[in-house]
Amino acid sequence: MNAAPADQIRLLEVQALDVRLSQLAHKRKSLPEHAEIESLTKDLVQLRDLLVAAQTEESDTAREQTKAEQDVDQVRQRAVRDQQRLDSGAVASPKDLESLQREIVSLAKRQGDLEDIVLDVMERRESVQERVGELTARVTAVQAKTDDATARRDEAQAGLDAESASVTKDREAVAAVIPADFLKLYEKLRVQQGGVGAARLYQRRCEGCRLELNITELNDVRAASADAVLRCENCHRILIRTSESGI
């Protein structure tokens, strides 16, 4: 295959632009914000689960407190009615009077026990409410960090995308004037050779595989016509001659 020396030099430009595009893609993929966001998101999920559990417990405790307070109120109301009956003198039978007095004492004890239960529930609810507040604050803080990291990532990606678009445009412009068969060979080799399909011959060394050409290979290069498309004997990439090839 033959290609004008100018087209061969242009192919080196395409190769350099392709390397830059690969670098930009790698940089975009490996932005430190990706790992930061992933870690923060895991923390956020765990904190939200804990918050939901705490909120559920607080809701259950609130219902338990309401039920306990209702029980206290029922006992208190009954005790008030019994005391009113006792104070009214409507109960004349000594036996009924004694029974009523015993019930009032029993209700007082029952009311005290229920009030202790209310206090216990209130203490537990207060503890849960404190935990809900703490977890809510932590969720808010981690969410703020996540939002900040996301904004930084998006800004970094936007800059990289803009540069990639510019480099792609430059590549298209250079590639458009390179013969199609020559460019096709380059694309094939670029895929096979890990992203580098063409390399400069610099000071008798292939910059693709970094190996120096032996005397036989150098003589072949010297004997080749200027428009001959050369290949490195070691890595098989297209070998581009320049004024710095050392031949």
C-alpha atoms as a PDB file:
ATOM      1  CA  MET A   1       0.000   0.000   0.000  1.00  0.00           C
ATOM      2  CA  ASN A   2       1.146   3.521  -0.779  1.00  0.00           C
ATOM      3  CA  ALA A   3       0.152   6.846   0.746  1.00  0.00           C
ATOM      4  CA  ALA A   4       1.548  10.306   0.220  1.00  0.00           C
ATOM      5  CA  PRO A   5       4.045  11.393   2.893  1.00  0.00           C
ATOM      6  CA  ALA A   6       1.693  14.240   3.842  1.00  0.00           C
ATOM      7  CA  ASP A   7      -1.136  11.766   4.412  1.00  0.00           C
ATOM      8  CA  GLN A   8       1.149   9.624   6.548  1.00  0.00           C
ATOM      9  CA  ILE A   9       1.963  12.642   8.698  1.00  0.00           C
ATOM     10  CA  ARG A  10      -1.741  13.403   8.938  1.00  0.00           C
ATOM     11  CA  LEU A  11      -2.297   9.862  10.163  1.00  0.00           C
ATOM     12  CA  LEU A  12       0.054  10.598  13.040  1.00  0.00           C
ATOM     13  CA  GLU A  13      -2.162  13.588  13.842  1.00  0.00           C
ATOM     14  CA  VAL A  14      -5.202  11.305  13.832  1.00  0.00           C
ATOM     15  CA  GLN A  15      -3.376   8.883  16.104  1.00  0.00           C
ATOM     16  CA  ALA A  16      -2.485  11.657  18.533  1.00  0.00           C
ATOM     17  CA  LEU A  17      -6.105  12.833  18.572  1.00  0.00           C
ATOM     18  CA  ASP A  18      -7.307   9.257  19.149  1.00  0.00           C
ATOM     19  CA  VAL A  19      -4.914   8.919  22.082  1.00  0.00           C
ATOM     20  CA  ARG A  20      -6.276  12.143  23.540  1.00  0.00           C
ATOM     21  CA  LEU A  21      -9.844  10.910  23.131  1.00  0.00           C
ATOM     22  CA  SER A  22      -8.925   7.698  24.949  1.00  0.00           C
ATOM     23  CA  GLN A  23      -7.297   9.700  27.721  1.00  0.00           C
ATOM     24  CA  LEU A  24     -10.372  11.890  28.081  1.00  0.00           C
ATOM     25  CA  ALA A  25     -12.673   8.851  28.181  1.00  0.00           C
ATOM     26  CA  HIS A  26     -10.491   7.218  30.836  1.00  0.00           C
ATOM     27  CA  LYS A  27     -10.370  10.416  32.863  1.00  0.00           C
ATOM     28  CA  ARG A  28     -14.147  10.772  32.645  1.00  0.00           C
ATOM     29  CA  LYS A  29     -14.623   7.193  33.828  1.00  0.00           C
ATOM     30  CA  SER A  30     -12.105   7.483  36.664  1.00  0.00           C
ATOM     31  CA  LEU A  31     -13.120  10.844  38.128  1.00  0.00           C
ATOM     32  CA  PRO A  32     -12.627  10.674  41.918  1.00  0.00           C
ATOM     33  CA  GLU A  33     -16.162  11.962  42.365  1.00  0.00           C
ATOM     34  CA  HIS A  34     -17.532   8.635  41.073  1.00  0.00           C
ATOM     35  CA  ALA A  35     -16.121   6.709  44.049  1.00  0.00           C
ATOM     36  CA  GLU A  36     -17.073   9.522  46.414  1.00  0.00           C
ATOM     37  CA  ILE A  37     -20.676   9.535  45.210  1.00  0.00           C
ATOM     38  CA  GLU A  38     -20.878   5.747  45.380  1.00  0.00           C
ATOM     39  CA  SER A  39     -19.642   5.742  48.980  1.00  0.00           C
ATOM     40  CA  LEU A  40     -21.951   8.592  49.997  1.00  0.00           C
ATOM     41  CA  THR A  41     -24.919   6.918  48.304  1.00  0.00           C
ATOM     42  CA  LYS A  42     -24.331   3.719  50.279  1.00  0.00           C
ATOM     43  CA  ASP A  43     -24.159   5.739  53.490  1.00  0.00           C
ATOM     44  CA  LEU A  44     -27.311   7.602  52.521  1.00  0.00           C
ATOM     45  CA  VAL A  45     -29.245   4.396  51.851  1.00  0.00           C
ATOM     46  CA  GLN A  46     -28.224   2.965  55.228  1.00  0.00           C
ATOM     47  CA  LEU A  47     -29.073   6.183  57.072  1.00  0.00           C
ATOM     48  CA  ARG A  48     -32.449   6.451  55.372  1.00  0.00           C
ATOM     49  CA  ASP A  49     -33.252   2.848  56.319  1.00  0.00           C
ATOM     50  CA  LEU A  50     -32.337   3.633  59.924  1.00  0.00           C
ATOM     51  CA  LEU A  51     -34.409   6.815  59.794  1.00  0.00           C
ATOM     52  CA  VAL A  52     -37.461   5.001  58.467  1.00  0.00           C
ATOM     53  CA  ALA A  53     -37.086   2.374  61.203  1.00  0.00           C
ATOM     54  CA  ALA A  54     -36.782   5.096  63.850  1.00  0.00           C
ATOM     55  CA  GLN A  55     -39.784   6.997  62.461  1.00  0.00           C
ATOM     56  CA  THR A  56     -41.817   3.796  62.476  1.00  0.00           C
ATOM     57  CA  GLU A  57     -40.796   3.123  66.067  1.00  0.00           C
ATOM     58  CA  GLU A  58     -41.710   6.694  67.031  1.00  0.00           C
ATOM     59  CA  SER A  59     -45.109   6.295  65.400  1.00  0.00           C
ATOM     60  CA  ASP A  60     -45.702   2.985  67.205  1.00  0.00           C
ATOM     61  CA  THR A  61     -44.608   4.524  70.501  1.00  0.00           C
ATOM     62  CA  ALA A  62     -46.922   7.495  69.943  1.00  0.00           C
ATOM     63  CA  ARG A  63     -49.880   5.118  69.527  1.00  0.00           C
ATOM     64  CA  GLU A  64     -48.762   3.200  72.600  1.00  0.00           C
ATOM     65  CA  GLN A  65     -48.629   6.437  74.602  1.00  0.00           C
ATOM     66  CA  THR A  66     -52.097   7.471  73.403  1.00  0.00           C
ATOM     67  CA  LYS A  67     -53.510   4.071  74.418  1.00  0.00           C
ATOM     68  CA  ALA A  68     -51.830   4.217  77.834  1.00  0.00           C
ATOM     69  CA  GLU A  69     -53.131   7.762  78.447  1.00  0.00           C
ATOM     70  CA  GLN A  70     -56.641   6.664  77.448  1.00  0.00           C
ATOM     71  CA  ASP A  71     -56.423   3.780  79.945  1.00  0.00           C
ATOM     72  CA  VAL A  72     -55.375   6.221  82.677  1.00  0.00           C
ATOM     73  CA  ASP A  73     -58.244   8.555  81.774  1.00  0.00           C
ATOM     74  CA  GLN A  74     -60.803   5.735  81.891  1.00  0.00           C
ATOM     75  CA  VAL A  75     -59.626   4.626  85.336  1.00  0.00           C
ATOM     76  CA  ARG A  76     -59.550   8.234  86.550  1.00  0.00           C
ATOM     77  CA  GLN A  77     -63.114   8.866  85.333  1.00  0.00           C
ATOM     78  CA  ARG A  78     -64.368   5.707  87.027  1.00  0.00           C
ATOM     79  CA  ALA A  79     -62.613   6.663  90.239  1.00  0.00           C
ATOM     80  CA  VAL A  80     -64.219  10.115  90.092  1.00  0.00           C
ATOM     81  CA  ARG A  81     -67.672   8.578  89.633  1.00  0.00           C
ATOM     82  CA  ASP A  82     -67.131   6.191  92.536  1.00  0.00           C
ATOM     83  CA  GLN A  83     -65.892   9.020  94.746  1.00  0.00           C
ATOM     84  CA  GLN A  84     -68.938  11.091  93.820  1.00  0.00           C
ATOM     85  CA  ARG A  85     -71.212   8.179  94.762  1.00  0.00           C
ATOM     86  CA  LEU A  86     -69.382   7.810  98.029  1.00  0.00           C
ATOM     87  CA  ASP A  87     -69.553  11.519  98.817  1.00  0.00           C
ATOM     88  CA  SER A  88     -73.214  11.776  97.875  1.00  0.00           C
ATOM     89  CA  GLY A  89     -74.293   9.343 100.586  1.00  0.00           C
ATOM     90  CA  ALA A  90     -76.368   7.420  98.085  1.00  0.00           C
ATOM     91  CA  VAL A  91     -74.779   4.167  99.179  1.00  0.00           C
ATOM     92  CA  ALA A  92     -76.415   3.233 102.479  1.00  0.00           C
ATOM     93  CA  SER A  93     -75.531  -0.437 102.790  1.00  0.00           C
ATOM     94  CA  PRO A  94     -72.361  -0.929 104.848  1.00  0.00           C
ATOM     95  CA  LYS A  95     -71.408  -3.858 102.626  1.00  0.00           C
ATOM     96  CA  ASP A  96     -71.851  -1.816  99.439  1.00  0.00           C
ATOM     97  CA  LEU A  97     -70.051   1.075 101.059  1.00  0.00           C
ATOM     98  CA  GLU A  98     -67.085  -1.109 101.954  1.00  0.00           C
ATOM     99  CA  SER A  99     -67.024  -2.582  98.443  1.00  0.00           C
ATOM    100  CA  LEU A 100     -67.082   0.893  96.928  1.00  0.00           C
ATOM    101  CA  GLN A 101     -64.228   2.072  99.157  1.00  0.00           C
ATOM    102  CA  ARG A 102     -62.156  -0.978  98.205  1.00  0.00           C
ATOM    103  CA  GLU A 103     -62.812  -0.284  94.515  1.00  0.00           C
ATOM    104  CA  ILE A 104     -61.692   3.349  94.925  1.00  0.00           C
ATOM    105  CA  VAL A 105     -58.442   2.180  96.535  1.00  0.00           C
ATOM    106  CA  SER A 106     -57.965  -0.421  93.793  1.00  0.00           C
ATOM    107  CA  LEU A 107     -58.611   2.175  91.090  1.00  0.00           C
ATOM    108  CA  ALA A 108     -56.084   4.532  92.673  1.00  0.00           C
ATOM    109  CA  LYS A 109     -53.462   1.793  92.584  1.00  0.00           C
ATOM    110  CA  ARG A 110     -54.418   0.892  89.025  1.00  0.00           C
ATOM    111  CA  GLN A 111     -54.199   4.558  88.016  1.00  0.00           C
ATOM    112  CA  GLY A 112     -50.733   4.827  89.550  1.00  0.00           C
ATOM    113  CA  ASP A 113     -49.559   1.719  87.693  1.00  0.00           C
ATOM    114  CA  LEU A 114     -50.937   3.029  84.418  1.00  0.00           C
ATOM    115  CA  GLU A 115     -49.350   6.436  84.948  1.00  0.00           C
ATOM    116  CA  ASP A 116     -46.005   4.686  85.451  1.00  0.00           C
ATOM    117  CA  ILE A 117     -46.572   2.954  82.127  1.00  0.00           C
ATOM    118  CA  VAL A 118     -47.323   6.318  80.485  1.00  0.00           C
ATOM    119  CA  LEU A 119     -44.104   7.789  81.880  1.00  0.00           C
ATOM    120  CA  ASP A 120     -42.103   4.814  80.632  1.00  0.00           C
ATOM    121  CA  VAL A 121     -43.622   5.116  77.173  1.00  0.00           C
ATOM    122  CA  MET A 122     -43.014   8.868  77.131  1.00  0.00           C
ATOM    123  CA  GLU A 123     -39.350   8.352  78.021  1.00  0.00           C
ATOM    124  CA  ARG A 124     -38.959   5.755  75.285  1.00  0.00           C
ATOM    125  CA  ARG A 125     -40.725   8.017  72.810  1.00  0.00           C
ATOM    126  CA  GLU A 126     -38.509  10.955  73.742  1.00  0.00           C
ATOM    127  CA  SER A 127     -35.433   8.775  73.165  1.00  0.00           C
ATOM    128  CA  VAL A 128     -36.753   7.665  69.783  1.00  0.00           C
ATOM    129  CA  GLN A 129     -37.581  11.264  68.827  1.00  0.00           C
ATOM    130  CA  GLU A 130     -33.997  12.273  69.634  1.00  0.00           C
ATOM    131  CA  ARG A 131     -32.752   9.454  67.408  1.00  0.00           C
ATOM    132  CA  VAL A 132     -35.097  10.559  64.617  1.00  0.00           C
ATOM    133  CA  GLY A 133     -33.742  14.096  64.905  1.00  0.00           C
ATOM    134  CA  GLU A 134     -30.154  12.907  64.881  1.00  0.00           C
ATOM    135  CA  LEU A 135     -30.695  10.634  61.881  1.00  0.00           C
ATOM    136  CA  THR A 136     -32.596  13.362  60.031  1.00  0.00           C
ATOM    137  CA  ALA A 137     -29.653  15.722  60.520  1.00  0.00           C
ATOM    138  CA  ARG A 138     -27.197  13.067  59.346  1.00  0.00           C
ATOM    139  CA  VAL A 139     -29.300  12.302  56.264  1.00  0.00           C
ATOM    140  CA  THR A 140     -29.444  16.015  55.450  1.00  0.00           C
ATOM    141  CA  ALA A 141     -25.670  16.369  55.866  1.00  0.00           C
ATOM    142  CA  VAL A 142     -24.832  13.328  53.723  1.00  0.00           C
ATOM    143  CA  GLN A 143     -27.360  14.399  51.087  1.00  0.00           C
ATOM    144  CA  ALA A 144     -25.660  17.805  50.939  1.00  0.00           C
ATOM    145  CA  LYS A 145     -22.274  16.132  50.467  1.00  0.00           C
ATOM    146  CA  THR A 146     -23.755  13.899  47.759  1.00  0.00           C
ATOM    147  CA  ASP A 147     -25.259  16.891  45.970  1.00  0.00           C
ATOM    148  CA  ASP A 148     -21.927  18.716  46.140  1.00  0.00           C
ATOM    149  CA  ALA A 149     -19.992  15.719  44.801  1.00  0.00           C
ATOM    150  CA  THR A 150     -22.572  15.242  42.047  1.00  0.00           C
ATOM    151  CA  ALA A 151     -22.292  18.886  41.030  1.00  0.00           C
ATOM    152  CA  ARG A 152     -18.499  18.638  40.938  1.00  0.00           C
ATOM    153  CA  ARG A 153     -18.691  15.435  38.887  1.00  0.00           C
ATOM    154  CA  ASP A 154     -21.161  16.937  36.437  1.00  0.00           C
ATOM    155  CA  GLU A 155     -18.998  20.025  36.033  1.00  0.00           C
ATOM    156  CA  ALA A 156     -15.881  17.916  35.439  1.00  0.00           C
ATOM    157  CA  GLN A 157     -17.723  15.702  32.963  1.00  0.00           C
ATOM    158  CA  ALA A 158     -19.080  18.705  31.110  1.00  0.00           C
ATOM    159  CA  GLY A 159     -15.549  20.052  30.683  1.00  0.00           C
ATOM    160  CA  LEU A 160     -14.251  16.692  29.490  1.00  0.00           C
ATOM    161  CA  ASP A 161     -17.206  16.245  27.140  1.00  0.00           C
ATOM    162  CA  ALA A 162     -16.614  19.678  25.660  1.00  0.00           C
ATOM    163  CA  GLU A 163     -12.955  18.884  25.059  1.00  0.00           C
ATOM    164  CA  SER A 164     -13.857  15.476  23.605  1.00  0.00           C
ATOM    165  CA  ALA A 165     -16.287  17.122  21.201  1.00  0.00           C
ATOM    166  CA  SER A 166     -13.588  19.576  20.108  1.00  0.00           C
ATOM    167  CA  VAL A 167     -10.991  16.821  19.650  1.00  0.00           C
ATOM    168  CA  THR A 168     -13.502  14.677  17.746  1.00  0.00           C
ATOM    169  CA  LYS A 169     -14.224  17.571  15.405  1.00  0.00           C
ATOM    170  CA  ASP A 170     -10.503  18.063  14.778  1.00  0.00           C
ATOM    171  CA  ARG A 171     -10.058  14.349  14.156  1.00  0.00           C
ATOM    172  CA  GLU A 172     -12.886  14.253  11.659  1.00  0.00           C
ATOM    173  CA  ALA A 173     -11.365  17.179   9.785  1.00  0.00           C
ATOM    174  CA  VAL A 174      -7.928  15.547   9.527  1.00  0.00           C
ATOM    175  CA  ALA A 175      -9.268  12.046   8.792  1.00  0.00           C
ATOM    176  CA  ALA A 176     -11.474  13.384   5.995  1.00  0.00           C
ATOM    177  CA  VAL A 177      -8.469  14.055   3.741  1.00  0.00           C
ATOM    178  CA  ILE A 178      -6.683  10.744   4.362  1.00  0.00           C
ATOM    179  CA  PRO A 179      -7.251   8.043   1.718  1.00  0.00           C
ATOM    180  CA  ALA A 180     -10.002   5.679   2.833  1.00  0.00           C
ATOM    181  CA  ASP A 181      -7.996   2.449   2.426  1.00  0.00           C
ATOM    182  CA  PHE A 182      -5.073   3.872   4.401  1.00  0.00           C
ATOM    183  CA  LEU A 183      -7.388   5.038   7.174  1.00  0.00           C
ATOM    184  CA  LYS A 184      -9.163   1.680   7.199  1.00  0.00           C
ATOM    185  CA  LEU A 185      -5.860  -0.146   7.727  1.00  0.00           C
ATOM    186  CA  TYR A 186      -5.041   2.206  10.573  1.00  0.00           C
ATOM    187  CA  GLU A 187      -8.423   1.656  12.249  1.00  0.00           C
ATOM    188  CA  LYS A 188      -8.005  -2.109  12.006  1.00  0.00           C
ATOM    189  CA  LEU A 189      -4.537  -2.007  13.534  1.00  0.00           C
ATOM    190  CA  ARG A 190      -5.646   0.442  16.220  1.00  0.00           C
ATOM    191  CA  VAL A 191      -8.233  -2.050  17.427  1.00  0.00           C
ATOM    192  CA  GLN A 192      -5.739  -4.908  17.341  1.00  0.00           C
ATOM    193  CA  GLN A 193      -2.925  -2.981  19.007  1.00  0.00           C
ATOM    194  CA  GLY A 194      -4.661  -1.506  22.023  1.00  0.00           C
ATOM    195  CA  GLY A 195      -5.525   1.885  20.597  1.00  0.00           C
ATOM    196  CA  VAL A 196      -2.295   2.613  18.700  1.00  0.00           C
ATOM    197  CA  GLY A 197      -2.365   1.757  15.014  1.00  0.00           C
ATOM    198  CA  ALA A 198       0.360   4.110  13.765  1.00  0.00           C
ATOM    199  CA  ALA A 199       3.660   5.089  15.343  1.00  0.00           C
ATOM    200  CA  ARG A 200       6.455   7.493  14.513  1.00  0.00           C
ATOM    201  CA  LEU A 201       9.923   6.209  13.649  1.00  0.00           C
ATOM    202  CA  TYR A 202      12.054   8.356  15.933  1.00  0.00           C
ATOM    203  CA  GLN A 203      15.831   8.044  16.139  1.00  0.00           C
ATOM    204  CA  ARG A 204      15.614   4.572  14.590  1.00  0.00           C
ATOM    205  CA  ARG A 205      13.113   3.438  17.226  1.00  0.00           C
ATOM    206  CA  CYS A 206       9.474   2.534  16.742  1.00  0.00           C
ATOM    207  CA  GLU A 207       7.466   4.627  19.202  1.00  0.00           C
ATOM    208  CA  GLY A 208       4.736   2.001  19.175  1.00  0.00           C
ATOM    209  CA  CYS A 209       6.694  -0.882  20.679  1.00  0.00           C
ATOM    210  CA  ARG A 210       9.722   1.206  21.789  1.00  0.00           C
ATOM    211  CA  LEU A 211      12.144  -1.175  20.057  1.00  0.00           C
ATOM    212  CA  GLU A 212      15.019   0.005  17.921  1.00  0.00           C
ATOM    213  CA  LEU A 213      15.149  -1.243  14.334  1.00  0.00           C
ATOM    214  CA  ASN A 214      18.059  -3.505  13.469  1.00  0.00           C
ATOM    215  CA  ILE A 215      20.395  -2.741  10.569  1.00  0.00           C
ATOM    216  CA  THR A 216      18.458  -4.893   8.118  1.00  0.00           C
ATOM    217  CA  GLU A 217      15.178  -3.213   8.970  1.00  0.00           C
ATOM    218  CA  LEU A 218      16.775   0.209   8.712  1.00  0.00           C
ATOM    219  CA  ASN A 219      18.180  -0.606   5.276  1.00  0.00           C
ATOM    220  CA  ASP A 220      14.701  -1.679   4.150  1.00  0.00           C
ATOM    221  CA  VAL A 221      13.295   1.609   5.427  1.00  0.00           C
ATOM    222  CA  ARG A 222      16.007   3.605   3.625  1.00  0.00           C
ATOM    223  CA  ALA A 223      15.333   1.726   0.391  1.00  0.00           C
ATOM    224  CA  ALA A 224      11.570   2.218   0.511  1.00  0.00           C
ATOM    225  CA  SER A 225       9.963   4.948  -1.562  1.00  0.00           C
ATOM    226  CA  ALA A 226       8.667   8.010   0.245  1.00  0.00           C
ATOM    227  CA  ASP A 227       5.032   7.040  -0.331  1.00  0.00           C
ATOM    228  CA  ALA A 228       5.433   3.402   0.738  1.00  0.00           C
ATOM    229  CA  VAL A 229       3.386   2.466   3.802  1.00  0.00           C
ATOM    230  CA  LEU A 230       5.816   0.777   6.164  1.00  0.00           C
ATOM    231  CA  ARG A 231       5.038  -1.583   9.020  1.00  0.00           C
ATOM    232  CA  CYS A 232       7.102  -2.236  12.132  1.00  0.00           C
ATOM    233  CA  GLU A 233       8.512  -5.762  12.032  1.00  0.00           C
ATOM    234  CA  ASN A 234       8.034  -6.121  15.793  1.00  0.00           C
ATOM    235  CA  CYS A 235       4.579  -4.708  16.565  1.00  0.00           C
ATOM    236  CA  HIS A 236       3.184  -4.553  12.998  1.00  0.00           C
ATOM    237  CA  ARG A 237       1.926  -1.000  13.443  1.00  0.00           C
ATOM    238  CA  ILE A 238       2.140   1.486  10.578  1.00  0.00           C
ATOM    239  CA  LEU A 239       5.562   3.102  10.837  1.00  0.00           C
ATOM    240  CA  ILE A 240       5.642   6.766   9.895  1.00  0.00           C
ATOM    241  CA  ARG A 241       8.885   8.382   8.808  1.00  0.00           C
ATOM    242  CA  THR A 242       9.692  11.978   9.746  1.00  0.00           C
ATOM    243  CA  SER A 243      12.721  14.248   9.641  1.00  0.00           C
ATOM    244  CA  GLU A 244      13.613  12.897  13.091  1.00  0.00           C
ATOM    245  CA  SER A 245      13.643   9.226  12.118  1.00  0.00           C
ATOM    246  CA  GLY A 246      17.440   9.088  12.149  1.00  0.00           C
ATOM    247  CA  ILE A 247      17.788   7.320   8.826  1.00  0.00           C
END
